[in-house]
């Protein structure tokens, strides 16, 4: 007997879209992290006489802060959806 599970039937693109709809702040956090890293690399050449290690620490702090902020918003959104946005029976 062959058992078909829906998660095995979908391709990677539709799986990514489904996961993004379930947790919309995950791709936002990933994009924000990538943007912060890209901005840090862009500003690397114009950092003046700031040490490389200090620049990297600042960029790491900015990227981590952004991800933690988005995770907090995502948790708040999930709580709102589960507790307050449910339709009343």
PDB file of N, CA and C in Angstrom:
ATOM      1  N   UNK A   1       0.838  -1.190   0.000  1.00  0.00           N
ATOM      2  CA  UNK A   1       0.000   0.000   0.000  1.00  0.00           C
ATOM      3  C   UNK A   1       0.875   1.244   0.000  1.00  0.00           C
ATOM      4  N   UNK A   2       0.516   2.202  -0.808  1.00  0.00           N
ATOM      5  CA  UNK A   2       1.263   3.450  -0.929  1.00  0.00           C
ATOM      6  C   UNK A   2       0.512   4.551  -0.190  1.00  0.00           C
ATOM      7  N   UNK A   3       1.192   5.220   0.728  1.00  0.00           N
ATOM      8  CA  UNK A   3       0.593   6.317   1.476  1.00  0.00           C
ATOM      9  C   UNK A   3       1.197   7.614   0.965  1.00  0.00           C
ATOM     10  N   UNK A   4       0.347   8.527   0.543  1.00  0.00           N
ATOM     11  CA  UNK A   4       0.817   9.800   0.007  1.00  0.00           C
ATOM     12  C   UNK A   4       0.609  10.887   1.056  1.00  0.00           C
ATOM     13  N   UNK A   5       1.678  11.601   1.348  1.00  0.00           N
ATOM     14  CA  UNK A   5       1.590  12.736   2.260  1.00  0.00           C
ATOM     15  C   UNK A   5       1.715  14.009   1.440  1.00  0.00           C
ATOM     16  N   UNK A   6       0.904  14.997   1.766  1.00  0.00           N
ATOM     17  CA  UNK A   6       0.872  16.217   0.959  1.00  0.00           C
ATOM     18  C   UNK A   6       2.209  16.954   0.971  1.00  0.00           C
ATOM     19  N   UNK A   7       2.978  16.869   2.056  1.00  0.00           N
ATOM     20  CA  UNK A   7       4.250  17.581   2.113  1.00  0.00           C
ATOM     21  C   UNK A   7       5.261  16.999   1.141  1.00  0.00           C
ATOM     22  N   UNK A   8       5.111  15.730   0.778  1.00  0.00           N
ATOM     23  CA  UNK A   8       6.025  15.123  -0.183  1.00  0.00           C
ATOM     24  C   UNK A   8       5.597  15.398  -1.617  1.00  0.00           C
ATOM     25  N   UNK A   9       4.349  15.743  -1.823  1.00  0.00           N
ATOM     26  CA  UNK A   9       3.831  15.959  -3.169  1.00  0.00           C
ATOM     27  C   UNK A   9       4.120  17.352  -3.713  1.00  0.00           C
ATOM     28  N   UNK A  10       4.417  18.308  -2.852  1.00  0.00           N
ATOM     29  CA  UNK A  10       4.614  19.669  -3.324  1.00  0.00           C
ATOM     30  C   UNK A  10       6.089  19.931  -3.645  1.00  0.00           C
ATOM     31  N   UNK A  11       6.327  20.811  -4.599  1.00  0.00           N
ATOM     32  CA  UNK A  11       7.706  21.139  -4.938  1.00  0.00           C
ATOM     33  C   UNK A  11       8.233  22.200  -3.975  1.00  0.00           C
ATOM     34  N   UNK A  12       9.504  22.549  -4.113  1.00  0.00           N
ATOM     35  CA  UNK A  12      10.137  23.462  -3.162  1.00  0.00           C
ATOM     36  C   UNK A  12       9.522  24.859  -3.193  1.00  0.00           C
ATOM     37  N   UNK A  13       9.156  25.341  -4.370  1.00  0.00           N
ATOM     38  CA  UNK A  13       8.578  26.677  -4.474  1.00  0.00           C
ATOM     39  C   UNK A  13       7.254  26.800  -3.752  1.00  0.00           C
ATOM     40  N   UNK A  14       6.373  25.828  -3.940  1.00  0.00           N
ATOM     41  CA  UNK A  14       5.071  25.898  -3.277  1.00  0.00           C
ATOM     42  C   UNK A  14       5.205  25.649  -1.780  1.00  0.00           C
ATOM     43  N   UNK A  15       6.183  24.854  -1.390  1.00  0.00           N
ATOM     44  CA  UNK A  15       6.423  24.631   0.040  1.00  0.00           C
ATOM     45  C   UNK A  15       6.901  25.932   0.695  1.00  0.00           C
ATOM     46  N   UNK A  16       7.781  26.660   0.013  1.00  0.00           N
ATOM     47  CA  UNK A  16       8.276  27.933   0.536  1.00  0.00           C
ATOM     48  C   UNK A  16       7.144  28.945   0.662  1.00  0.00           C
ATOM     49  N   UNK A  17       6.260  28.997  -0.332  1.00  0.00           N
ATOM     50  CA  UNK A  17       5.127  29.929  -0.290  1.00  0.00           C
ATOM     51  C   UNK A  17       4.181  29.555   0.850  1.00  0.00           C
ATOM     52  N   UNK A  18       3.927  28.260   1.033  1.00  0.00           N
ATOM     53  CA  UNK A  18       3.040  27.813   2.109  1.00  0.00           C
ATOM     54  C   UNK A  18       3.634  28.173   3.480  1.00  0.00           C
ATOM     55  N   UNK A  19       4.926  27.922   3.649  1.00  0.00           N
ATOM     56  CA  UNK A  19       5.576  28.245   4.925  1.00  0.00           C
ATOM     57  C   UNK A  19       5.583  29.750   5.175  1.00  0.00           C
ATOM     58  N   UNK A  20       5.772  30.543   4.121  1.00  0.00           N
ATOM     59  CA  UNK A  20       5.772  32.002   4.271  1.00  0.00           C
ATOM     60  C   UNK A  20       4.393  32.513   4.670  1.00  0.00           C
ATOM     61  N   UNK A  21       3.329  31.861   4.187  1.00  0.00           N
ATOM     62  CA  UNK A  21       1.977  32.262   4.596  1.00  0.00           C
ATOM     63  C   UNK A  21       1.705  31.884   6.050  1.00  0.00           C
ATOM     64  N   UNK A  22       2.255  30.745   6.489  1.00  0.00           N
ATOM     65  CA  UNK A  22       2.049  30.320   7.878  1.00  0.00           C
ATOM     66  C   UNK A  22       2.802  31.219   8.849  1.00  0.00           C
ATOM     67  N   UNK A  23       4.008  31.625   8.493  1.00  0.00           N
ATOM     68  CA  UNK A  23       4.832  32.471   9.356  1.00  0.00           C
ATOM     69  C   UNK A  23       5.415  33.602   8.510  1.00  0.00           C
ATOM     70  N   UNK A  24       4.650  34.687   8.300  1.00  0.00           N
ATOM     71  CA  UNK A  24       5.095  35.727   7.367  1.00  0.00           C
ATOM     72  C   UNK A  24       6.309  36.521   7.846  1.00  0.00           C
ATOM     73  N   UNK A  25       6.631  36.477   9.117  1.00  0.00           N
ATOM     74  CA  UNK A  25       7.759  37.263   9.602  1.00  0.00           C
ATOM     75  C   UNK A  25       9.095  36.565   9.403  1.00  0.00           C
ATOM     76  N   UNK A  26       9.101  35.280   9.094  1.00  0.00           N
ATOM     77  CA  UNK A  26      10.360  34.569   8.856  1.00  0.00           C
ATOM     78  C   UNK A  26      11.052  35.094   7.597  1.00  0.00           C
ATOM     79  N   UNK A  27      10.367  35.160   6.442  1.00  0.00           N
ATOM     80  CA  UNK A  27      11.057  35.718   5.278  1.00  0.00           C
ATOM     81  C   UNK A  27      11.396  37.200   5.441  1.00  0.00           C
ATOM     82  N   UNK A  28      10.577  37.927   6.204  1.00  0.00           N
ATOM     83  CA  UNK A  28      10.878  39.339   6.451  1.00  0.00           C
ATOM     84  C   UNK A  28      12.168  39.455   7.268  1.00  0.00           C
ATOM     85  N   UNK A  29      12.312  38.612   8.286  1.00  0.00           N
ATOM     86  CA  UNK A  29      13.532  38.611   9.092  1.00  0.00           C
ATOM     87  C   UNK A  29      14.753  38.216   8.290  1.00  0.00           C
ATOM     88  N   UNK A  30      14.588  37.216   7.441  1.00  0.00           N
ATOM     89  CA  UNK A  30      15.709  36.777   6.608  1.00  0.00           C
ATOM     90  C   UNK A  30      16.123  37.869   5.624  1.00  0.00           C
ATOM     91  N   UNK A  31      15.143  38.541   5.027  1.00  0.00           N
ATOM     92  CA  UNK A  31      15.449  39.623   4.094  1.00  0.00           C
ATOM     93  C   UNK A  31      16.096  40.806   4.820  1.00  0.00           C
ATOM     94  N   UNK A  32      15.603  41.118   6.008  1.00  0.00           N
ATOM     95  CA  UNK A  32      16.204  42.201   6.792  1.00  0.00           C
ATOM     96  C   UNK A  32      17.623  41.896   7.196  1.00  0.00           C
ATOM     97  N   UNK A  33      17.882  40.652   7.585  1.00  0.00           N
ATOM     98  CA  UNK A  33      19.242  40.240   7.938  1.00  0.00           C
ATOM     99  C   UNK A  33      20.158  40.379   6.726  1.00  0.00           C
ATOM    100  N   UNK A  34      19.695  39.892   5.561  1.00  0.00           N
ATOM    101  CA  UNK A  34      20.504  39.991   4.345  1.00  0.00           C
ATOM    102  C   UNK A  34      20.757  41.449   3.972  1.00  0.00           C
ATOM    103  N   UNK A  35      19.739  42.307   4.142  1.00  0.00           N
ATOM    104  CA  UNK A  35      19.903  43.728   3.829  1.00  0.00           C
ATOM    105  C   UNK A  35      20.901  44.383   4.777  1.00  0.00           C
ATOM    106  N   UNK A  36      20.859  44.013   6.055  1.00  0.00           N
ATOM    107  CA  UNK A  36      21.802  44.574   7.023  1.00  0.00           C
ATOM    108  C   UNK A  36      23.229  44.160   6.691  1.00  0.00           C
ATOM    109  N   UNK A  37      23.408  42.899   6.338  1.00  0.00           N
ATOM    110  CA  UNK A  37      24.743  42.423   5.962  1.00  0.00           C
ATOM    111  C   UNK A  37      25.225  43.126   4.693  1.00  0.00           C
ATOM    112  N   UNK A  38      24.330  43.269   3.702  1.00  0.00           N
ATOM    113  CA  UNK A  38      24.711  43.949   2.460  1.00  0.00           C
ATOM    114  C   UNK A  38      25.082  45.409   2.731  1.00  0.00           C
ATOM    115  N   UNK A  39      24.320  46.082   3.588  1.00  0.00           N
ATOM    116  CA  UNK A  39      24.632  47.469   3.938  1.00  0.00           C
ATOM    117  C   UNK A  39      25.975  47.552   4.660  1.00  0.00           C
ATOM    118  N   UNK A  40      26.235  46.597   5.558  1.00  0.00           N
ATOM    119  CA  UNK A  40      27.516  46.576   6.269  1.00  0.00           C
ATOM    120  C   UNK A  40      28.688  46.377   5.328  1.00  0.00           C
ATOM    121  N   UNK A  41      28.523  45.505   4.343  1.00  0.00           N
ATOM    122  CA  UNK A  41      29.587  45.308   3.356  1.00  0.00           C
ATOM    123  C   UNK A  41      29.777  46.539   2.493  1.00  0.00           C
ATOM    124  N   UNK A  42      28.667  47.214   2.169  1.00  0.00           N
ATOM    125  CA  UNK A  42      28.755  48.441   1.379  1.00  0.00           C
ATOM    126  C   UNK A  42      29.492  49.541   2.158  1.00  0.00           C
ATOM    127  N   UNK A  43      29.187  49.671   3.432  1.00  0.00           N
ATOM    128  CA  UNK A  43      29.814  50.709   4.257  1.00  0.00           C
ATOM    129  C   UNK A  43      31.231  50.343   4.688  1.00  0.00           C
ATOM    130  N   UNK A  44      31.648  49.123   4.424  1.00  0.00           N
ATOM    131  CA  UNK A  44      32.971  48.666   4.844  1.00  0.00           C
ATOM    132  C   UNK A  44      34.081  49.517   4.241  1.00  0.00           C
ATOM    133  N   UNK A  45      33.922  49.910   2.986  1.00  0.00           N
ATOM    134  CA  UNK A  45      34.983  50.675   2.333  1.00  0.00           C
ATOM    135  C   UNK A  45      35.042  52.134   2.790  1.00  0.00           C
ATOM    136  N   UNK A  46      33.962  52.648   3.372  1.00  0.00           N
ATOM    137  CA  UNK A  46      33.955  54.046   3.810  1.00  0.00           C
ATOM    138  C   UNK A  46      33.871  54.158   5.328  1.00  0.00           C
ATOM    139  N   UNK A  47      34.490  53.222   6.039  1.00  0.00           N
ATOM    140  CA  UNK A  47      34.406  53.232   7.497  1.00  0.00           C
ATOM    141  C   UNK A  47      35.393  54.194   8.135  1.00  0.00           C
ATOM    142  N   UNK A  48      36.237  54.835   7.344  1.00  0.00           N
ATOM    143  CA  UNK A  48      37.204  55.782   7.888  1.00  0.00           C
ATOM    144  C   UNK A  48      38.320  55.050   8.612  1.00  0.00           C
ATOM    145  N   UNK A  49      38.697  55.564   9.783  1.00  0.00           N
ATOM    146  CA  UNK A  49      39.779  54.914  10.525  1.00  0.00           C
ATOM    147  C   UNK A  49      39.239  54.010  11.632  1.00  0.00           C
ATOM    148  N   UNK A  50      37.975  53.602  11.528  1.00  0.00           N
ATOM    149  CA  UNK A  50      37.389  52.656  12.479  1.00  0.00           C
ATOM    150  C   UNK A  50      38.000  51.286  12.224  1.00  0.00           C
ATOM    151  N   UNK A  51      38.334  50.598  13.299  1.00  0.00           N
ATOM    152  CA  UNK A  51      38.906  49.267  13.138  1.00  0.00           C
ATOM    153  C   UNK A  51      37.894  48.319  12.512  1.00  0.00           C
ATOM    154  N   UNK A  52      38.414  47.355  11.791  1.00  0.00           N
ATOM    155  CA  UNK A  52      37.561  46.363  11.136  1.00  0.00           C
ATOM    156  C   UNK A  52      36.744  45.591  12.167  1.00  0.00           C
ATOM    157  N   UNK A  53      37.344  45.202  13.274  1.00  0.00           N
ATOM    158  CA  UNK A  53      36.637  44.411  14.280  1.00  0.00           C
ATOM    159  C   UNK A  53      35.472  45.198  14.890  1.00  0.00           C
ATOM    160  N   UNK A  54      35.653  46.491  15.106  1.00  0.00           N
ATOM    161  CA  UNK A  54      34.583  47.321  15.660  1.00  0.00           C
ATOM    162  C   UNK A  54      33.446  47.445  14.656  1.00  0.00           C
ATOM    163  N   UNK A  55      33.794  47.622  13.398  1.00  0.00           N
ATOM    164  CA  UNK A  55      32.773  47.705  12.349  1.00  0.00           C
ATOM    165  C   UNK A  55      31.977  46.406  12.280  1.00  0.00           C
ATOM    166  N   UNK A  56      32.650  45.271  12.320  1.00  0.00           N
ATOM    167  CA  UNK A  56      31.968  43.990  12.246  1.00  0.00           C
ATOM    168  C   UNK A  56      31.093  43.746  13.475  1.00  0.00           C
ATOM    169  N   UNK A  57      31.541  44.165  14.637  1.00  0.00           N
ATOM    170  CA  UNK A  57      30.736  44.007  15.852  1.00  0.00           C
ATOM    171  C   UNK A  57      29.467  44.846  15.754  1.00  0.00           C
ATOM    172  N   UNK A  58      29.580  46.059  15.231  1.00  0.00           N
ATOM    173  CA  UNK A  58      28.400  46.910  15.076  1.00  0.00           C
ATOM    174  C   UNK A  58      27.415  46.317  14.074  1.00  0.00           C
ATOM    175  N   UNK A  59      27.924  45.798  12.984  1.00  0.00           N
ATOM    176  CA  UNK A  59      27.050  45.191  11.980  1.00  0.00           C
ATOM    177  C   UNK A  59      26.390  43.926  12.526  1.00  0.00           C
ATOM    178  N   UNK A  60      27.130  43.143  13.284  1.00  0.00           N
ATOM    179  CA  UNK A  60      26.556  41.940  13.886  1.00  0.00           C
ATOM    180  C   UNK A  60      25.446  42.319  14.866  1.00  0.00           C
ATOM    181  N   UNK A  61      25.695  43.341  15.686  1.00  0.00           N
ATOM    182  CA  UNK A  61      24.671  43.789  16.624  1.00  0.00           C
ATOM    183  C   UNK A  61      23.427  44.291  15.918  1.00  0.00           C
ATOM    184  N   UNK A  62      23.613  45.029  14.833  1.00  0.00           N
ATOM    185  CA  UNK A  62      22.466  45.528  14.064  1.00  0.00           C
ATOM    186  C   UNK A  62      21.673  44.377  13.454  1.00  0.00           C
ATOM    187  N   UNK A  63      22.372  43.407  12.870  1.00  0.00           N
ATOM    188  CA  UNK A  63      21.684  42.277  12.246  1.00  0.00           C
ATOM    189  C   UNK A  63      20.950  41.441  13.288  1.00  0.00           C
ATOM    190  N   UNK A  64      21.585  41.177  14.412  1.00  0.00           N
ATOM    191  CA  UNK A  64      20.930  40.392  15.461  1.00  0.00           C
ATOM    192  C   UNK A  64      19.743  41.138  16.055  1.00  0.00           C
ATOM    193  N   UNK A  65      19.888  42.425  16.255  1.00  0.00           N
ATOM    194  CA  UNK A  65      18.784  43.219  16.780  1.00  0.00           C
ATOM    195  C   UNK A  65      17.589  43.220  15.842  1.00  0.00           C
ATOM    196  N   UNK A  66      17.859  43.318  14.550  1.00  0.00           N
ATOM    197  CA  UNK A  66      16.778  43.286  13.583  1.00  0.00           C
ATOM    198  C   UNK A  66      16.065  41.935  13.616  1.00  0.00           C
ATOM    199  N   UNK A  67      16.820  40.847  13.651  1.00  0.00           N
ATOM    200  CA  UNK A  67      16.206  39.518  13.659  1.00  0.00           C
ATOM    201  C   UNK A  67      15.401  39.297  14.942  1.00  0.00           C
ATOM    202  N   UNK A  68      15.933  39.713  16.082  1.00  0.00           N
ATOM    203  CA  UNK A  68      15.199  39.556  17.343  1.00  0.00           C
ATOM    204  C   UNK A  68      13.930  40.401  17.326  1.00  0.00           C
ATOM    205  N   UNK A  69      14.002  41.608  16.772  1.00  0.00           N
ATOM    206  CA  UNK A  69      12.816  42.444  16.668  1.00  0.00           C
ATOM    207  C   UNK A  69      11.738  41.823  15.793  1.00  0.00           C
ATOM    208  N   UNK A  70      12.146  41.264  14.664  1.00  0.00           N
ATOM    209  CA  UNK A  70      11.177  40.626  13.771  1.00  0.00           C
ATOM    210  C   UNK A  70      10.605  39.375  14.423  1.00  0.00           C
ATOM    211  N   UNK A  71      11.431  38.616  15.147  1.00  0.00           N
ATOM    212  CA  UNK A  71      10.928  37.434  15.851  1.00  0.00           C
ATOM    213  C   UNK A  71       9.907  37.833  16.910  1.00  0.00           C
ATOM    214  N   UNK A  72      10.152  38.928  17.607  1.00  0.00           N
ATOM    215  CA  UNK A  72       9.210  39.413  18.610  1.00  0.00           C
ATOM    216  C   UNK A  72       7.890  39.828  17.964  1.00  0.00           C
ATOM    217  N   UNK A  73       7.985  40.543  16.846  1.00  0.00           N
ATOM    218  CA  UNK A  73       6.760  40.911  16.125  1.00  0.00           C
ATOM    219  C   UNK A  73       6.013  39.674  15.647  1.00  0.00           C
ATOM    220  N   UNK A  74       6.740  38.679  15.170  1.00  0.00           N
ATOM    221  CA  UNK A  74       6.110  37.444  14.717  1.00  0.00           C
ATOM    222  C   UNK A  74       5.413  36.710  15.845  1.00  0.00           C
ATOM    223  N   UNK A  75       6.042  36.661  17.018  1.00  0.00           N
ATOM    224  CA  UNK A  75       5.414  36.008  18.170  1.00  0.00           C
ATOM    225  C   UNK A  75       4.161  36.765  18.595  1.00  0.00           C
ATOM    226  N   UNK A  76       4.229  38.090  18.595  1.00  0.00           N
ATOM    227  CA  UNK A  76       3.050  38.889  18.927  1.00  0.00           C
ATOM    228  C   UNK A  76       1.935  38.702  17.917  1.00  0.00           C
ATOM    229  N   UNK A  77       2.283  38.616  16.649  1.00  0.00           N
ATOM    230  CA  UNK A  77       1.292  38.390  15.601  1.00  0.00           C
ATOM    231  C   UNK A  77       0.638  37.017  15.770  1.00  0.00           C
ATOM    232  N   UNK A  78       1.435  36.003  16.072  1.00  0.00           N
ATOM    233  CA  UNK A  78       0.888  34.657  16.286  1.00  0.00           C
ATOM    234  C   UNK A  78      -0.042  34.635  17.487  1.00  0.00           C
ATOM    235  N   UNK A  79       0.343  35.305  18.566  1.00  0.00           N
ATOM    236  CA  UNK A  79      -0.522  35.374  19.749  1.00  0.00           C
ATOM    237  C   UNK A  79      -1.828  36.077  19.413  1.00  0.00           C
ATOM    238  N   UNK A  80      -1.742  37.158  18.661  1.00  0.00           N
ATOM    239  CA  UNK A  80      -2.948  37.884  18.273  1.00  0.00           C
ATOM    240  C   UNK A  80      -3.863  36.995  17.450  1.00  0.00           C
ATOM    241  N   UNK A  81      -3.288  36.290  16.466  1.00  0.00           N
ATOM    242  CA  UNK A  81      -4.094  35.427  15.611  1.00  0.00           C
ATOM    243  C   UNK A  81      -4.769  34.317  16.407  1.00  0.00           C
ATOM    244  N   UNK A  82      -4.055  33.727  17.342  1.00  0.00           N
ATOM    245  CA  UNK A  82      -4.597  32.593  18.094  1.00  0.00           C
ATOM    246  C   UNK A  82      -5.573  33.008  19.194  1.00  0.00           C
ATOM    247  N   UNK A  83      -5.322  34.152  19.832  1.00  0.00           N
ATOM    248  CA  UNK A  83      -6.120  34.512  21.013  1.00  0.00           C
ATOM    249  C   UNK A  83      -7.244  35.496  20.731  1.00  0.00           C
ATOM    250  N   UNK A  84      -6.988  36.502  19.913  1.00  0.00           N
ATOM    251  CA  UNK A  84      -7.967  37.569  19.757  1.00  0.00           C
ATOM    252  C   UNK A  84      -8.654  37.606  18.410  1.00  0.00           C
ATOM    253  N   UNK A  85      -8.023  37.110  17.369  1.00  0.00           N
ATOM    254  CA  UNK A  85      -8.594  37.229  16.034  1.00  0.00           C
ATOM    255  C   UNK A  85      -9.482  36.052  15.660  1.00  0.00           C
ATOM    256  N   UNK A  86      -9.652  35.104  16.557  1.00  0.00           N
ATOM    257  CA  UNK A  86     -10.521  33.951  16.254  1.00  0.00           C
ATOM    258  C   UNK A  86     -11.968  34.429  16.188  1.00  0.00           C
ATOM    259  N   UNK A  87     -12.693  33.921  15.205  1.00  0.00           N
ATOM    260  CA  UNK A  87     -14.115  34.298  15.142  1.00  0.00           C
ATOM    261  C   UNK A  87     -14.886  33.707  16.315  1.00  0.00           C
ATOM    262  N   UNK A  88     -15.814  34.467  16.833  1.00  0.00           N
ATOM    263  CA  UNK A  88     -16.620  34.024  17.978  1.00  0.00           C
ATOM    264  C   UNK A  88     -17.644  33.007  17.492  1.00  0.00           C
ATOM    265  N   UNK A  89     -17.828  31.912  18.243  1.00  0.00           N
ATOM    266  CA  UNK A  89     -18.822  30.900  17.813  1.00  0.00           C
ATOM    267  C   UNK A  89     -20.250  31.352  18.000  1.00  0.00           C
TER     268      UNK A  89
END
